[in-house]
């Protein structure tokens, strides 16, 4: 089967992105190994997207970042450093929340701010009593006195002259990024712009419903619909619906951050189960859920909770795909796209096999291996899903809806619908519209 031009272009861009990432990581590794200093690339939110070889060797920072509050404080430090680096348009020296000396160089592409390269995690003098007393004043110190102090004594000490020299080298690294990391930086820029767009939509929606009574049943309908898309691995719909669902949770929680966090946590449990139903190994789903809970445990900002939650949902979907095997990604996607476009027609297995130029038997075996279901089951699930979307309108009765979605008769539609949903189309529609 021939791939489309778009598919080939996307594949080429992904390959270039991976190559750039590997090359830039080598540059950062060489910088770290030659200077003995940590170096990371962070986005405008202060989140690390690339790190050098020495980054994992600072046990003091590792220990702080093993605590959720510590990771959040590091992120805020990096975020502030980005702003200051762009303000001065040169490496910006600062002390992090843990008392370490660091510096950040601004990173941009096509006149757009992307983030910063951050270097350091050092001291300018040996950890003395004054510094150790500073460490003791950290909220993170409580309950971890000996571990944190012992690791503080191991911190690297460099001279001011070495700092200045490393800052000059850092400028060269930044120039290399700007000149050779086009796809990587564009990728980071697009992610930042997309995140801002979604968060803006959320804020606008909250304003709309600020003084309006909100019906919980509306949320529950959206929640069921979302989980259905998760089971179907419909990423496009998931991306579309999650900002709306998240806003619903905030509105229903009265914007109380403790309640928001609990609502999102309960929701993620449902998502985890839906992913297991879609084919993800149950134990892996649970492990990912536990990791999510650790990452959000001390987050106080609702937008940060949203970002982590959305990222986890995407990770879930990626893991489902990986567990099913991705050796025939393009082919399987072509089958899925064909069904999504022609579900309302009287399509047969022969039609689908002809579309991808494979024999019926081979296609069935391949689809079952990769999707963990038969082609017919997938077709029926799509038809049921589409029929539910049409139920929101009163323009057609259930019989007409069934025919529009490709069911040969009312009885067949009812039988299949009951199999997947547990209710008849009429019963489900009454609940939907009540």
Protein backbone atom coordinates (compact mmCIF):
# COMPACT_ATOMS: atom_id res chain seq x y z
CA UNK A 1 0.00 0.00 0.00
CA UNK A 2 1.33 3.39 -0.92
CA UNK A 3 1.51 6.05 1.74
CA UNK A 4 0.06 9.49 1.18
CA UNK A 5 2.26 12.55 0.70
CA UNK A 6 1.15 13.85 4.10
CA UNK A 7 2.09 10.57 5.81
CA UNK A 8 5.51 10.58 4.16
CA UNK A 9 6.07 14.24 5.12
CA UNK A 10 5.03 13.59 8.72
CA UNK A 11 7.33 10.59 8.88
CA UNK A 12 10.24 12.64 7.47
CA UNK A 13 9.67 15.43 9.98
CA UNK A 14 9.57 12.93 12.86
CA UNK A 15 12.83 11.42 11.67
CA UNK A 16 14.44 14.86 11.46
CA UNK A 17 13.12 15.73 14.92
CA UNK A 18 14.58 12.54 16.39
CA UNK A 19 17.93 13.12 14.65
CA UNK A 20 18.13 16.74 15.85
CA UNK A 21 17.28 15.68 19.38
CA UNK A 22 20.05 13.07 19.37
CA UNK A 23 22.62 15.49 17.88
CA UNK A 24 21.75 18.25 20.33
CA UNK A 25 21.91 15.85 23.23
CA UNK A 26 25.45 14.95 22.14
CA UNK A 27 26.39 18.66 22.12
CA UNK A 28 24.99 19.06 25.63
CA UNK A 29 26.75 15.87 26.77
CA UNK A 30 30.06 17.18 25.45
CA UNK A 31 29.47 20.50 27.20
CA UNK A 32 28.69 18.73 30.48
CA UNK A 33 31.62 16.31 30.24
CA UNK A 34 34.13 19.05 29.36
CA UNK A 35 32.97 21.48 32.09
CA UNK A 36 31.66 19.05 34.69
CA UNK A 37 28.47 21.13 34.85
CA UNK A 38 24.82 20.27 34.47
CA UNK A 39 23.00 21.65 31.42
CA UNK A 40 19.31 21.33 30.51
CA UNK A 41 16.94 22.78 27.92
CA UNK A 42 13.65 24.01 29.40
CA UNK A 43 10.48 25.41 27.85
CA UNK A 44 8.78 28.68 28.85
CA UNK A 45 6.92 26.86 31.62
CA UNK A 46 10.23 25.78 33.15
CA UNK A 47 9.77 22.14 32.15
CA UNK A 48 12.88 20.20 31.03
CA UNK A 49 12.68 18.81 27.48
CA UNK A 50 16.37 17.86 26.99
CA UNK A 51 19.25 17.27 29.40
CA UNK A 52 23.03 16.72 29.28
CA UNK A 53 25.14 13.92 30.75
CA UNK A 54 25.85 15.50 34.15
CA UNK A 55 22.23 16.33 34.91
CA UNK A 56 21.55 13.05 36.71
CA UNK A 57 24.80 13.10 38.70
CA UNK A 58 23.93 15.86 41.17
CA UNK A 59 22.49 13.83 44.06
CA UNK A 60 21.45 16.98 45.96
CA UNK A 61 19.16 18.09 43.14
CA UNK A 62 18.02 14.53 42.51
CA UNK A 63 16.91 14.28 46.12
CA UNK A 64 15.00 17.58 46.00
CA UNK A 65 13.31 16.60 42.73
CA UNK A 66 12.27 13.24 44.16
CA UNK A 67 9.78 15.25 46.26
CA UNK A 68 6.76 16.67 44.41
CA UNK A 69 7.09 20.08 46.08
CA UNK A 70 10.78 20.14 45.18
CA UNK A 71 10.07 19.44 41.50
CA UNK A 72 7.50 22.22 41.42
CA UNK A 73 9.93 24.70 43.03
CA UNK A 74 12.59 23.77 40.46
CA UNK A 75 10.12 24.31 37.64
CA UNK A 76 9.16 27.75 38.94
CA UNK A 77 12.84 28.68 39.23
CA UNK A 78 13.47 27.67 35.61
CA UNK A 79 10.34 29.53 34.46
CA UNK A 80 11.49 32.74 36.18
CA UNK A 81 15.03 32.31 34.80
CA UNK A 82 13.59 32.10 31.24
CA UNK A 83 11.79 35.41 31.68
CA UNK A 84 14.86 37.15 33.06
CA UNK A 85 17.15 35.74 30.36
CA UNK A 86 14.88 37.15 27.65
CA UNK A 87 14.61 40.44 29.54
CA UNK A 88 18.40 40.93 29.51
CA UNK A 89 19.04 39.03 26.25
CA UNK A 90 22.13 37.35 27.71
CA UNK A 91 23.01 34.60 30.22
CA UNK A 92 21.19 35.38 33.45
CA UNK A 93 22.87 34.34 36.72
CA UNK A 94 20.64 33.35 39.66
CA UNK A 95 20.42 31.28 42.83
CA UNK A 96 17.81 28.56 42.74
CA UNK A 97 15.42 27.81 45.61
CA UNK A 98 17.97 25.29 46.93
CA UNK A 99 20.72 27.92 47.10
CA UNK A 100 22.73 26.72 44.07
CA UNK A 101 24.30 29.04 41.51
CA UNK A 102 22.91 28.68 37.97
CA UNK A 103 22.64 30.68 34.77
CA UNK A 104 20.20 30.65 31.86
CA UNK A 105 20.66 31.67 28.20
CA UNK A 106 17.54 32.60 26.17
CA UNK A 107 16.47 30.26 23.38
CA UNK A 108 14.29 31.43 20.49
CA UNK A 109 13.45 30.63 16.87
CA UNK A 110 11.84 32.78 14.18
CA UNK A 111 11.68 35.69 16.66
CA UNK A 112 9.58 33.53 18.98
CA UNK A 113 10.63 32.68 22.53
CA UNK A 114 10.99 28.95 23.09
CA UNK A 115 12.72 28.58 26.47
CA UNK A 116 16.27 28.61 27.80
CA UNK A 117 19.40 26.54 28.23
CA UNK A 118 20.12 26.37 31.96
CA UNK A 119 23.54 25.52 33.36
CA UNK A 120 25.09 25.22 36.80
CA UNK A 121 23.83 23.48 39.94
CA UNK A 122 27.06 24.50 41.70
CA UNK A 123 28.41 26.57 44.60
CA UNK A 124 31.02 29.35 44.47
CA UNK A 125 32.42 28.25 47.81
CA UNK A 126 32.38 25.10 49.87
CA UNK A 127 29.12 24.38 51.67
CA UNK A 128 29.68 26.24 54.97
CA UNK A 129 27.58 26.60 58.10
CA UNK A 130 25.64 29.54 56.62
CA UNK A 131 24.66 27.54 53.54
CA UNK A 132 23.73 24.48 55.59
CA UNK A 133 21.54 26.66 57.82
CA UNK A 134 19.85 27.94 54.64
CA UNK A 135 19.16 24.34 53.65
CA UNK A 136 17.62 23.68 57.06
CA UNK A 137 15.16 26.53 56.46
CA UNK A 138 13.79 24.89 53.30
CA UNK A 139 10.27 23.42 53.68
CA UNK A 140 11.69 20.34 51.97
CA UNK A 141 14.12 19.84 54.85
CA UNK A 142 11.45 18.75 57.31
CA UNK A 143 11.70 15.04 57.89
CA UNK A 144 14.80 14.65 55.73
CA UNK A 145 17.59 16.42 57.68
CA UNK A 146 20.55 14.10 57.37
CA UNK A 147 20.00 13.07 53.73
CA UNK A 148 19.74 16.62 52.44
CA UNK A 149 22.71 17.97 54.42
CA UNK A 150 24.98 15.08 53.43
CA UNK A 151 24.17 15.55 49.77
CA UNK A 152 24.72 19.33 50.10
CA UNK A 153 28.29 18.69 51.27
CA UNK A 154 28.96 16.80 47.99
CA UNK A 155 28.04 19.77 45.75
CA UNK A 156 30.55 20.90 43.13
CA UNK A 157 32.43 24.14 43.87
CA UNK A 158 33.79 26.33 41.03
CA UNK A 159 35.36 29.79 40.80
CA UNK A 160 33.72 32.95 39.47
CA UNK A 161 36.13 32.83 36.52
CA UNK A 162 34.99 29.28 35.70
CA UNK A 163 31.36 30.49 35.86
CA UNK A 164 32.08 33.25 33.36
CA UNK A 165 33.92 30.89 31.02
CA UNK A 166 31.07 28.37 31.17
CA UNK A 167 28.60 31.17 30.42
CA UNK A 168 30.52 32.03 27.24
CA UNK A 169 30.49 28.38 26.19
CA UNK A 170 26.76 28.27 26.94
CA UNK A 171 26.20 31.09 24.45
CA UNK A 172 27.86 28.92 21.80
CA UNK A 173 25.58 25.99 22.71
CA UNK A 174 22.54 28.26 22.36
CA UNK A 175 23.73 29.45 18.94
CA UNK A 176 24.11 25.81 17.90
CA UNK A 177 20.55 25.11 19.03
CA UNK A 178 19.21 28.07 17.09
CA UNK A 179 21.07 27.13 13.90
CA UNK A 180 20.64 23.33 13.87
CA UNK A 181 17.61 22.54 16.00
CA UNK A 182 14.89 23.87 13.72
CA UNK A 183 12.45 20.98 14.02
CA UNK A 184 13.06 20.52 17.75
CA UNK A 185 12.52 24.20 18.53
CA UNK A 186 9.50 24.45 16.23
CA UNK A 187 8.09 21.41 18.05
CA UNK A 188 8.54 23.14 21.42
CA UNK A 189 7.08 26.39 20.07
CA UNK A 190 4.00 24.58 18.72
CA UNK A 191 3.47 22.76 22.02
CA UNK A 192 3.68 26.05 23.90
CA UNK A 193 1.25 27.79 21.51
CA UNK A 194 -1.18 24.84 21.66
CA UNK A 195 -1.07 24.82 25.47
CA UNK A 196 -1.74 28.56 25.62
CA UNK A 197 -4.64 28.18 23.19
CA UNK A 198 -6.28 25.42 25.21
CA UNK A 199 -5.78 27.24 28.51
CA UNK A 200 -7.27 30.37 26.95
CA UNK A 201 -10.32 28.37 25.87
CA UNK A 202 -10.68 27.03 29.41
CA UNK A 203 -10.48 30.53 30.91
CA UNK A 204 -13.06 31.87 28.43
CA UNK A 205 -15.42 29.00 29.18
CA UNK A 206 -15.11 29.54 32.94
CA UNK A 207 -16.05 33.19 32.46
CA UNK A 208 -19.10 32.16 30.42
CA UNK A 209 -20.41 29.92 33.21
CA UNK A 210 -19.18 32.08 36.07
CA UNK A 211 -22.66 33.19 37.10
CA UNK A 212 -24.65 30.38 35.53
CA UNK A 213 -26.05 27.31 37.27
CA UNK A 214 -24.39 24.20 35.87
CA UNK A 215 -26.21 20.88 35.64
CA UNK A 216 -24.09 17.94 36.84
CA UNK A 217 -26.00 15.60 34.50
CA UNK A 218 -24.51 17.52 31.55
CA UNK A 219 -21.04 16.76 32.86
CA UNK A 220 -21.86 13.08 33.41
CA UNK A 221 -23.03 12.75 29.80
CA UNK A 222 -19.80 14.31 28.56
CA UNK A 223 -17.81 12.06 30.85
CA UNK A 224 -19.47 8.91 29.45
CA UNK A 225 -18.88 10.17 25.93
CA UNK A 226 -15.20 10.88 26.68
CA UNK A 227 -14.57 7.43 28.18
CA UNK A 228 -16.20 5.89 25.14
CA UNK A 229 -13.70 7.72 22.92
CA UNK A 230 -10.87 6.47 25.15
CA UNK A 231 -12.02 2.88 24.65
CA UNK A 232 -12.15 3.55 20.91
CA UNK A 233 -8.73 5.26 21.04
CA UNK A 234 -10.18 8.27 19.23
CA UNK A 235 -7.42 10.76 20.06
CA UNK A 236 -8.93 13.58 17.99
CA UNK A 237 -12.13 13.53 20.05
CA UNK A 238 -10.18 13.13 23.30
CA UNK A 239 -8.12 16.25 22.55
CA UNK A 240 -11.33 18.12 21.71
CA UNK A 241 -13.35 17.06 24.76
CA UNK A 242 -10.84 17.04 27.62
CA UNK A 243 -10.56 20.87 28.02
CA UNK A 244 -14.38 21.02 28.18
CA UNK A 245 -14.56 18.21 30.74
CA UNK A 246 -11.84 19.75 32.85
CA UNK A 247 -13.64 23.09 32.89
CA UNK A 248 -16.81 21.28 33.95
CA UNK A 249 -14.92 19.79 36.91
CA UNK A 250 -13.66 23.21 37.99
CA UNK A 251 -17.12 24.78 37.73
CA UNK A 252 -18.78 21.94 39.66
CA UNK A 253 -16.05 22.13 42.33
CA UNK A 254 -16.67 25.83 42.82
CA UNK A 255 -13.03 26.42 41.80
CA UNK A 256 -11.89 24.92 45.10
CA UNK A 257 -8.46 23.51 44.17
CA UNK A 258 -8.65 20.65 46.68
CA UNK A 259 -11.97 19.53 45.23
CA UNK A 260 -10.72 20.05 41.66
CA UNK A 261 -7.72 17.81 42.37
CA UNK A 262 -9.97 15.11 43.86
CA UNK A 263 -12.42 15.30 40.95
CA UNK A 264 -9.61 14.98 38.42
CA UNK A 265 -8.09 12.12 40.39
CA UNK A 266 -11.41 10.24 40.39
CA UNK A 267 -11.75 10.93 36.68
CA UNK A 268 -8.25 9.60 35.95
CA UNK A 269 -9.16 6.36 37.72
CA UNK A 270 -12.04 5.98 35.24
CA UNK A 271 -9.69 6.78 32.35
CA UNK A 272 -7.23 4.16 33.61
CA UNK A 273 -9.98 1.52 33.63
CA UNK A 274 -11.17 2.54 30.16
CA UNK A 275 -7.60 2.18 28.88
CA UNK A 276 -7.40 -1.31 30.39
CA UNK A 277 -10.63 -2.17 28.57
CA UNK A 278 -9.07 -0.83 25.36
CA UNK A 279 -6.16 -3.25 25.63
CA UNK A 280 -3.62 -1.70 28.01
CA UNK A 281 -2.16 -4.15 30.55
CA UNK A 282 -4.04 -3.56 33.82
CA UNK A 283 -0.91 -3.53 36.02
CA UNK A 284 0.78 -1.00 33.73
CA UNK A 285 -2.33 1.20 33.83
CA UNK A 286 -2.19 1.12 37.65
CA UNK A 287 1.53 1.94 37.73
CA UNK A 288 0.96 4.95 35.49
CA UNK A 289 -1.94 6.08 37.69
CA UNK A 290 0.24 5.91 40.80
CA UNK A 291 2.92 7.97 39.04
CA UNK A 292 0.29 10.52 38.04
CA UNK A 293 -0.87 10.83 41.64
CA UNK A 294 2.71 11.50 42.76
CA UNK A 295 3.19 14.20 40.12
CA UNK A 296 -0.02 16.04 41.03
CA UNK A 297 0.08 15.54 44.80
CA UNK A 298 1.34 19.03 45.63
CA UNK A 299 0.26 20.98 42.57
CA UNK A 300 -1.85 23.98 43.55
CA UNK A 301 -2.50 25.62 40.18
CA UNK A 302 -5.43 24.19 38.21
CA UNK A 303 -3.73 24.86 34.86
CA UNK A 304 -0.70 22.83 35.95
CA UNK A 305 -3.00 20.00 37.05
CA UNK A 306 -4.68 20.15 33.63
CA UNK A 307 -1.34 19.99 31.78
CA UNK A 308 -0.14 16.94 33.77
CA UNK A 309 -3.53 15.22 33.41
CA UNK A 310 -3.66 15.74 29.67
CA UNK A 311 -0.08 14.50 29.33
CA UNK A 312 -0.94 11.36 31.28
CA UNK A 313 -3.98 10.63 29.08
CA UNK A 314 -1.76 10.94 25.98
CA UNK A 315 0.76 8.59 27.63
CA UNK A 316 -2.02 6.10 28.26
CA UNK A 317 -3.04 6.14 24.61
CA UNK A 318 0.58 5.80 23.46
CA UNK A 319 1.06 2.80 25.74
CA UNK A 320 -2.10 1.16 24.39
CA UNK A 321 -0.72 1.53 20.90
CA UNK A 322 2.69 0.16 21.90
CA UNK A 323 1.16 -2.81 23.65
CA UNK A 324 -0.73 -3.70 20.51
CA UNK A 325 2.37 -3.53 18.35
CA UNK A 326 3.16 -0.81 15.84
CA UNK A 327 4.92 -2.63 13.03
CA UNK A 328 2.01 -1.94 10.63
CA UNK A 329 1.00 1.49 11.86
CA UNK A 330 0.24 3.05 8.51
CA UNK A 331 -1.76 0.09 7.24
CA UNK A 332 -3.91 -0.25 10.35
CA UNK A 333 -4.53 3.50 10.41
CA UNK A 334 -5.64 3.31 6.79
CA UNK A 335 -8.22 0.65 7.70
CA UNK A 336 -9.41 2.72 10.67
CA UNK A 337 -9.73 5.85 8.51
CA UNK A 338 -11.65 3.95 5.83
CA UNK A 339 -14.14 2.62 8.39
CA UNK A 340 -14.52 6.06 9.97
CA UNK A 341 -15.34 7.53 6.54
CA UNK A 342 -17.66 4.77 5.26
CA UNK A 343 -19.35 3.36 8.40
CA UNK A 344 -22.77 4.51 7.15
CA UNK A 345 -22.46 2.53 3.94
CA UNK A 346 -22.99 -1.17 3.27
CA UNK A 347 -19.25 -1.90 3.37
CA UNK A 348 -17.88 -5.44 3.49
CA UNK A 349 -14.64 -7.05 4.51
CA UNK A 350 -13.82 -7.43 0.81
CA UNK A 351 -14.21 -3.66 0.36
CA UNK A 352 -11.79 -2.94 3.22
CA UNK A 353 -9.26 -5.57 2.05
CA UNK A 354 -9.37 -4.13 -1.48
CA UNK A 355 -8.76 -0.63 -0.09
CA UNK A 356 -5.46 -1.71 1.52
CA UNK A 357 -4.56 -4.24 -1.22
CA UNK A 358 -4.41 -7.27 1.09
CA UNK A 359 -6.14 -10.64 1.21
CA UNK A 360 -9.08 -10.96 3.57
CA UNK A 361 -7.42 -13.61 5.74
CA UNK A 362 -4.13 -11.73 6.13
CA UNK A 363 -5.88 -8.42 6.88
CA UNK A 364 -8.10 -10.02 9.53
CA UNK A 365 -5.14 -11.63 11.29
CA UNK A 366 -3.10 -8.41 11.15
CA UNK A 367 -5.94 -6.22 12.42
CA UNK A 368 -6.74 -8.61 15.28
CA UNK A 369 -3.08 -8.74 16.33
CA UNK A 370 -2.66 -4.97 16.35
CA UNK A 371 -6.07 -3.81 17.58
CA UNK A 372 -7.02 -6.73 19.87
CA UNK A 373 -10.41 -6.99 18.18
CA UNK A 374 -11.85 -8.11 14.84
CA UNK A 375 -12.53 -5.69 12.00
CA UNK A 376 -16.24 -6.40 12.30
CA UNK A 377 -16.24 -5.62 16.03
CA UNK A 378 -14.43 -2.35 15.35
CA UNK A 379 -16.90 -1.43 12.58
CA UNK A 380 -19.84 -2.13 14.89
CA UNK A 381 -18.28 -0.08 17.71
CA UNK A 382 -17.80 2.86 15.35
CA UNK A 383 -21.40 2.59 14.15
CA UNK A 384 -22.69 2.52 17.74
CA UNK A 385 -20.51 5.49 18.65
CA UNK A 386 -21.74 7.49 15.66
CA UNK A 387 -25.35 6.61 16.41
CA UNK A 388 -24.97 8.00 19.94
CA UNK A 389 -23.75 11.29 18.47
CA UNK A 390 -26.88 11.50 16.29
CA UNK A 391 -29.12 10.80 19.30
CA UNK A 392 -28.39 14.28 20.62
CA UNK A 393 -30.67 15.63 17.90
CA UNK A 394 -34.41 15.02 17.92
CA UNK A 395 -34.51 15.18 14.10
CA UNK A 396 -34.54 11.37 13.66
CA UNK A 397 -36.03 8.39 15.45
CA UNK A 398 -33.83 5.47 16.52
CA UNK A 399 -34.71 3.45 13.42
CA UNK A 400 -33.57 6.26 11.12
CA UNK A 401 -30.42 6.74 13.18
CA UNK A 402 -29.59 3.04 12.89
CA UNK A 403 -29.96 3.13 9.09
CA UNK A 404 -27.82 6.30 8.83
CA UNK A 405 -25.07 4.51 10.74
CA UNK A 406 -25.04 1.45 8.49
CA UNK A 407 -27.26 -1.05 10.37
CA UNK A 408 -29.36 -3.19 8.07
CA UNK A 409 -32.40 -3.28 10.36
CA UNK A 410 -33.83 -1.93 13.61
CA UNK A 411 -33.49 -5.33 15.27
CA UNK A 412 -29.82 -5.64 14.31
CA UNK A 413 -29.16 -2.10 15.58
CA UNK A 414 -30.88 -2.86 18.90
CA UNK A 415 -29.02 -6.15 19.34
CA UNK A 416 -25.58 -4.63 18.67
CA UNK A 417 -26.29 -1.50 20.74
CA UNK A 418 -27.38 -3.57 23.74
CA UNK A 419 -24.22 -5.69 23.40
CA UNK A 420 -21.90 -2.67 23.62
CA UNK A 421 -23.86 -0.30 25.87
CA UNK A 422 -26.08 -2.56 27.96
CA UNK A 423 -29.26 -0.66 27.02
CA UNK A 424 -31.50 -0.47 23.98
CA UNK A 425 -31.09 2.60 21.74
CA UNK A 426 -34.45 3.93 22.99
CA UNK A 427 -33.52 3.48 26.66
CA UNK A 428 -30.16 5.15 26.19
CA UNK A 429 -31.66 8.06 24.26
CA UNK A 430 -34.28 8.69 26.93
CA UNK A 431 -31.51 8.98 29.53
CA UNK A 432 -29.43 11.14 27.20
CA UNK A 433 -32.22 13.63 26.56
CA UNK A 434 -33.82 13.56 30.00
